[in-house]
Protein backbone atom coordinates (compact mmCIF):
# COMPACT_ATOMS: atom_id res chain seq x y z
CA MET A 1 114.34 95.79 68.75
CA ASN A 2 110.27 96.97 69.93
CA SER A 3 107.83 94.51 72.07
CA SER A 4 106.41 93.29 68.96
CA ALA A 5 109.58 92.41 67.53
CA ARG A 6 111.03 90.72 70.73
CA LEU A 7 107.77 88.64 71.39
CA ALA A 8 107.81 87.50 67.48
CA LEU A 9 111.66 86.19 68.21
CA LEU A 10 110.54 84.33 71.18
CA LEU A 11 107.89 82.29 69.81
CA GLY A 12 110.10 81.93 66.72
CA LEU A 13 112.61 80.67 69.12
CA GLN A 14 110.33 78.52 70.47
CA LEU A 15 109.07 76.85 67.46
CA ALA A 16 112.81 76.20 66.36
CA ALA A 17 113.27 74.65 69.66
CA GLY A 18 110.65 72.35 69.10
CA ALA A 19 108.72 73.35 71.77
CA GLY A 20 105.31 72.12 70.70
CA LEU A 21 103.45 75.15 70.76
CA PRO A 22 100.85 75.26 68.01
CA ALA A 23 101.11 78.67 65.48
CA CYS A 24 97.62 79.38 65.85
CA ASP A 25 95.61 79.89 69.77
CA SER A 26 92.02 78.89 69.75
CA GLY A 27 91.97 79.78 73.38
CA GLU A 28 90.47 76.57 74.45
CA PRO A 29 91.65 74.36 76.86
CA GLY A 30 94.70 72.29 75.35
CA SER A 31 95.87 75.09 73.00
CA ALA A 32 99.40 76.76 73.74
CA ARG A 33 97.75 78.97 76.00
CA GLU A 34 96.90 76.58 78.04
CA GLN A 35 100.14 74.74 78.26
CA GLY A 36 101.93 75.84 81.29
CA LEU A 37 105.05 74.11 82.99
CA ASP A 38 104.85 71.37 85.47
CA ALA A 39 104.84 72.55 89.07
CA GLY A 40 108.01 73.40 90.86
CA THR A 41 109.42 74.85 87.49
CA GLU A 42 110.33 77.90 86.33
CA GLY A 43 111.16 79.24 83.44
CA GLY A 44 109.37 78.60 79.69
CA PHE A 45 109.96 81.46 76.78
CA LEU A 46 108.70 84.28 78.99
CA ARG A 47 110.85 84.81 82.36
CA LEU A 48 109.21 85.97 85.64
CA THR A 49 110.98 87.95 88.03
CA PRO A 50 111.08 87.52 90.46
CA ALA A 51 111.18 83.65 90.51
CA PRO A 52 111.19 81.55 92.52
CA LEU A 53 108.91 83.68 94.67
CA PHE A 54 108.16 83.46 98.42
CA SER A 55 105.25 84.82 100.62
CA ALA A 56 103.87 83.88 103.97
CA PHE A 57 100.21 83.21 105.20
CA VAL A 58 99.69 84.38 109.13
CA GLU A 59 96.90 82.56 110.48
CA GLY A 60 93.79 84.50 111.45
CA GLY A 61 93.74 86.48 108.26
CA ALA A 62 94.56 89.77 109.65
CA HIS A 63 97.51 90.25 107.96
CA GLU A 64 97.39 90.09 104.00
CA ALA A 65 100.67 88.86 101.70
CA LEU A 66 100.73 90.21 98.39
CA VAL A 67 103.61 89.82 95.70
CA ARG A 68 104.45 91.32 93.10
CA VAL A 69 105.42 89.69 89.66
CA GLN A 70 106.66 90.94 86.21
CA LEU A 71 108.06 89.93 82.82
CA LYS A 72 111.92 90.08 83.44
CA ASP A 73 112.41 91.38 79.90
CA PRO A 74 111.53 94.73 79.88
CA SER A 75 111.29 95.11 76.46
CA LEU A 76 107.84 92.82 76.75
CA ARG A 77 106.10 94.42 79.53
CA GLY A 78 104.27 96.57 77.38
CA LEU A 79 102.70 93.79 75.90
CA SER A 80 99.20 92.35 77.23
CA ALA A 81 99.79 89.60 79.36
CA ARG A 82 97.70 86.94 80.87
CA TYR A 83 98.65 85.70 84.54
CA ASP A 84 97.36 83.08 86.60
CA SER A 85 97.55 80.77 89.58
CA SER A 86 97.60 76.97 89.48
CA ASP A 87 95.37 76.69 92.39
CA GLU A 88 93.27 79.95 93.21
CA SER A 89 92.21 78.34 96.62
CA ILE A 90 96.57 79.00 98.11
CA ALA A 91 96.61 82.43 95.85
CA THR A 92 95.22 84.12 92.87
CA VAL A 93 96.68 86.97 90.79
CA ALA A 94 95.50 89.84 89.20
CA ALA A 95 96.87 92.53 86.58
CA HIS A 96 98.41 95.17 88.54
CA PRO A 97 97.67 98.57 86.82
CA GLU A 98 101.17 100.08 85.96
CA ASP A 99 102.70 96.80 85.30
CA GLY A 100 103.06 93.05 85.75
CA ALA A 101 100.41 91.40 88.34
CA THR A 102 99.76 91.46 92.14
CA ILE A 103 99.05 87.93 93.67
CA THR A 104 96.93 87.65 96.60
CA VAL A 105 98.26 84.78 99.40
CA ARG A 106 95.02 82.84 100.55
CA LYS A 107 96.79 80.17 102.57
CA GLU A 108 100.05 78.03 103.00
CA GLY A 109 100.75 75.77 100.12
CA VAL A 110 103.04 76.17 96.71
CA VAL A 111 101.51 76.98 93.31
CA VAL A 112 102.54 77.74 89.90
CA ILE A 113 102.19 81.43 88.73
CA LYS A 114 101.78 81.32 85.17
CA ALA A 115 102.21 84.45 82.43
CA VAL A 116 101.29 84.42 78.74
CA VAL A 117 101.45 86.64 76.16
CA GLN A 118 99.88 85.83 72.91
CA ASP A 119 101.60 82.02 72.37
CA ALA A 120 104.47 82.25 74.59
CA VAL A 121 104.09 81.11 78.24
CA GLY A 122 106.24 81.45 81.45
CA SER A 123 105.80 80.38 85.13
CA ALA A 124 107.06 80.61 88.62
CA LYS A 125 106.29 78.84 91.50
CA LEU A 126 105.46 80.51 94.66
CA THR A 127 106.18 78.67 98.29
CA ILE A 128 104.03 80.32 100.96
CA THR A 129 104.92 79.23 104.32
CA LYS A 130 102.14 79.38 107.14
CA PHE A 131 102.85 81.67 110.26
CA SER A 132 101.20 81.96 113.89
CA GLU A 133 99.94 85.18 115.23
CA ALA A 134 102.52 85.08 117.94
CA GLN A 135 105.24 84.83 115.72
CA TRP A 136 104.50 87.92 113.40
CA LYS A 137 103.79 90.04 116.84
CA ALA A 138 107.00 88.71 118.23
CA GLY A 139 108.66 89.81 114.08
CA GLN A 140 107.14 92.80 114.55
CA ALA A 141 108.69 94.24 117.86
CA ARG A 142 112.08 92.75 116.90
CA TYR A 143 111.46 95.10 113.53
CA ALA A 144 110.75 98.09 115.68
CA LYS A 145 112.91 97.53 118.72
CA SER A 146 112.67 100.99 121.04
CA GLU A 147 116.46 100.87 120.64
CA LEU A 148 118.93 102.33 117.53
CA ALA A 149 121.00 99.62 115.53
CA ILE A 150 123.46 102.39 114.77
CA ILE A 151 124.64 104.36 117.62
CA PRO A 152 128.03 106.30 116.60
CA PRO A 153 130.61 106.29 119.39
CA ASP A 154 131.32 109.64 119.78
CA GLY A 155 127.11 110.05 120.58
CA GLY A 156 126.62 111.81 117.29
CA ARG A 157 124.03 111.24 115.18
CA VAL A 158 122.75 108.79 113.09
CA THR A 159 123.98 109.17 109.30
CA ALA A 160 124.38 106.89 106.29
CA LEU A 161 128.12 106.84 106.89
CA ALA A 162 127.69 105.38 110.75
CA THR A 163 126.18 102.51 109.10
CA LEU A 164 130.16 101.12 107.88
CA ASP A 165 131.23 101.61 111.15
CA PRO A 166 131.49 98.55 112.64
CA SER A 167 132.14 100.13 116.26
CA ALA A 168 128.32 101.79 115.64
CA ARG A 169 126.60 98.94 115.37
CA ASN A 170 123.99 98.26 118.17
CA ALA A 171 123.28 94.38 117.52
CA ASN A 172 120.18 94.12 119.05
CA GLY A 173 118.73 97.35 117.76
CA ALA A 174 115.67 98.28 115.66
CA CYS A 175 115.58 97.32 111.99
CA THR A 176 113.65 100.63 111.72
CA THR A 177 116.88 102.12 112.11
CA CYS A 178 117.48 101.80 108.17
CA HIS A 179 114.62 100.44 106.85
CA GLY A 180 111.30 102.23 105.92
CA ALA A 181 109.93 105.22 104.84
CA ASP A 182 110.23 106.89 108.51
CA ALA A 183 114.04 104.92 109.16
CA ARG A 184 116.31 107.41 111.20
CA THR A 185 119.01 106.86 107.97
CA LEU A 186 119.45 104.72 104.58
CA GLN A 187 115.71 104.24 104.27
CA LEU A 188 115.63 101.09 102.39
CA GLU A 189 112.51 99.36 102.03
CA THR A 190 111.82 95.07 103.08
CA SER A 191 109.00 94.88 101.32
CA PRO A 192 108.01 91.94 99.59
CA THR A 193 109.28 93.95 96.08
CA GLN A 194 112.62 93.79 98.03
CA ILE A 195 112.40 89.93 99.37
CA ALA A 196 109.84 87.83 97.51
CA GLY A 197 112.43 86.37 95.67
CA TYR A 198 113.91 85.35 98.84
CA SER A 199 113.41 81.74 100.50
CA ASP A 200 113.12 81.78 104.46
CA LYS A 201 116.53 80.71 104.71
CA GLU A 202 118.39 83.33 102.84
CA LEU A 203 116.21 86.14 104.68
CA ILE A 204 117.31 84.58 107.86
CA THR A 205 120.99 84.60 106.60
CA ILE A 206 120.98 88.06 105.16
CA PHE A 207 119.60 89.85 108.70
CA THR A 208 122.10 87.40 110.99
CA HIS A 209 125.06 87.25 108.83
CA GLY A 210 125.05 89.74 106.04
CA GLU A 211 125.25 87.75 103.66
CA LYS A 212 123.13 88.41 100.58
CA PRO A 213 122.69 86.06 97.45
CA ASP A 214 123.59 87.64 94.05
CA ARG A 215 119.69 86.58 92.86
CA GLY A 216 116.20 87.68 94.14
CA SER A 217 114.65 90.71 94.15
CA ARG A 218 114.55 94.05 92.72
CA SER A 219 116.31 95.46 96.09
CA GLN A 220 119.08 98.02 94.62
CA PHE A 221 121.10 98.18 97.85
CA PRO A 222 124.49 96.62 96.87
CA THR A 223 125.39 93.17 97.64
CA TYR A 224 128.95 94.24 98.50
CA LEU A 225 127.35 96.58 100.91
CA GLY A 226 125.18 95.10 102.72
CA GLY A 227 127.27 92.62 104.15
CA MET A 228 130.15 94.98 105.42
CA ASN A 229 127.54 95.62 108.70
CA HIS A 230 124.74 93.79 108.41
CA SER A 231 124.95 90.62 111.50
CA TRP A 232 122.37 91.23 113.93
CA THR A 233 121.17 89.24 117.15
CA VAL A 234 117.67 87.85 116.25
CA THR A 235 116.18 84.86 118.56
CA GLU A 236 115.03 81.74 116.65
CA GLU A 237 111.37 83.07 117.40
CA GLU A 238 112.13 86.52 115.99
CA GLN A 239 113.83 84.88 112.91
CA GLN A 240 110.11 83.10 112.05
CA GLY A 241 108.64 86.29 113.18
CA LEU A 242 110.62 88.66 111.02
CA ILE A 243 109.72 86.55 107.93
CA ALA A 244 106.09 86.45 108.52
CA PHE A 245 106.01 90.48 109.44
CA MET A 246 108.14 91.57 106.47
CA ARG A 247 106.46 89.48 103.94
CA THR A 248 103.04 91.11 104.53
CA LEU A 249 104.35 94.56 104.42
CA PRO A 250 102.16 96.80 101.69
CA PRO A 251 104.72 96.51 98.51
CA LYS A 252 106.71 99.36 98.09
CA GLU A 253 109.49 100.04 95.63
CA ASN A 254 112.72 100.82 96.98
CA PHE A 255 114.47 104.23 97.47
CA THR A 256 111.49 106.37 98.87
CA GLY A 257 114.56 108.10 100.33
CA GLY A 258 118.22 107.23 101.34
CA ILE A 259 120.81 106.21 98.37
CA ARG A 260 121.86 104.24 95.99
CA LEU A 261 124.60 103.82 93.01
CA CYS A 262 124.76 106.74 90.98
CA PRO A 263 123.74 106.84 87.46
CA GLY A 264 126.22 105.36 84.78
CA GLU A 265 128.05 103.37 87.96
CA MET A 266 128.82 99.69 88.32
CA PRO A 267 129.88 98.02 91.68
CA PRO A 268 133.73 97.76 92.03
CA THR A 269 135.41 94.72 91.54
CA ASP A 270 138.14 95.73 93.40
CA GLY A 271 136.71 95.40 96.81
CA GLY A 272 136.79 99.30 97.29
CA LEU A 273 133.46 101.10 97.95
CA PRO A 274 131.31 102.27 95.29
CA VAL A 275 130.22 105.83 94.19
CA LEU A 276 127.02 106.54 95.66
CA CYS A 277 124.18 109.62 95.40
CA ASP A 278 121.23 110.59 96.96
CA ASN A 279 117.80 110.57 94.97
CA ASP A 280 118.48 113.98 93.73
CA GLY A 281 121.64 112.74 92.02
CA ASN A 282 124.31 114.64 94.44
CA VAL A 283 127.41 112.30 95.12
CA LEU A 284 128.09 111.62 98.48
CA LYS A 285 131.52 111.03 99.47
CA LEU A 286 132.86 108.32 101.77
CA PRO A 287 136.35 107.75 102.92
CA GLY A 288 138.41 105.52 100.14
CA SER A 289 135.85 105.35 97.85
CA ARG A 290 136.55 105.97 94.31
CA ALA A 291 136.15 109.31 92.14
CA PRO A 292 132.86 109.22 90.22
CA THR A 293 132.97 108.35 86.51
CA LEU A 294 130.13 111.22 86.15
CA GLN A 295 127.97 109.38 83.76
CA GLY A 296 124.23 109.80 82.96
CA GLY A 297 125.21 113.89 84.18
CA ILE A 298 126.38 113.96 87.39
CA ASP A 299 128.14 117.23 88.58
CA ALA A 300 130.94 116.88 91.07
CA GLY A 301 130.08 120.31 92.25
CA THR A 302 126.82 119.09 93.74
CA SER A 303 128.51 116.33 96.05
CA THR A 304 128.33 116.55 99.53
CA THR A 305 131.03 115.88 102.04
CA ILE A 306 128.88 113.16 103.99
CA LEU A 307 125.98 110.56 103.85
CA ASP A 308 123.34 111.93 106.13
CA ALA A 309 120.32 111.10 104.88
CA GLY A 310 116.83 110.80 107.45
CA VAL A 311 119.03 111.96 110.43
CA ALA A 312 118.16 112.23 114.05
CA PRO A 313 120.00 112.52 117.19
CA ALA A 314 121.49 108.77 118.55
CA GLY A 315 119.94 109.19 122.08
CA ASP A 316 116.38 110.23 120.33
CA ALA A 317 114.93 105.96 119.63
CA GLY A 318 111.11 107.72 119.11
């Protein structure tokens, strides 16, 4: 079903459900285009992702927070959508040149971001928390500490395989060991693209207990793998600071480097380790991992023996 047919079906369901939207849209106030959802609600006949949304405002204006939002249904993303903010003094929204829209935070508060495609409407609540410059600096310092978070016991190199070894974990180490384009391993992003769907409380749980909610953002790092070894020592001041710092990072897509589930692979349901690939599609072997199903053109002959993305000597914190 193409995007136009999909939208027509949605509009038909909308009318059948008694949504009260007229068949024709005049574009004037009170028409279907101006019928948003009440503040504090998410949904409508268009779904946005992520939803709800969370961001930060850092006092002083030195750290801008940007958030990307999209239509959840990929089949509708080729259609022209209009995005609006319920209060532009809190947050403004503009169409992104590639897809969806970019929200710019202006101050703390709660707004509703609305998307309209023809007569179909959807919305998502955006909650913005205020932080001080001092909190932001505390988060920046904790994120990029000088000591590594993963130090293999044998003094060897920092590898993705080592991240699965609890004995290699340094609970006081830097987030940049594994996060960001310049990380020593994995190179997973923690920008608003990955975390805007998680509340402040959920983010704290992720980096202090290694427990990641099943819903949230477009982060592709598996929930079951992240929770294996992701509990870090973070003070209350640093917790707030990390939220402020990460929410003001430039939005970036994940896997500028690092590892991912192989094409065609699904998370294992038996507690075993997944089949992982690097960005070139090479299968990465883990002790105890399943044999790959080799969907998506993966060739077992190209597999490597260890996960070794972004390695560096353990003693070189840089």
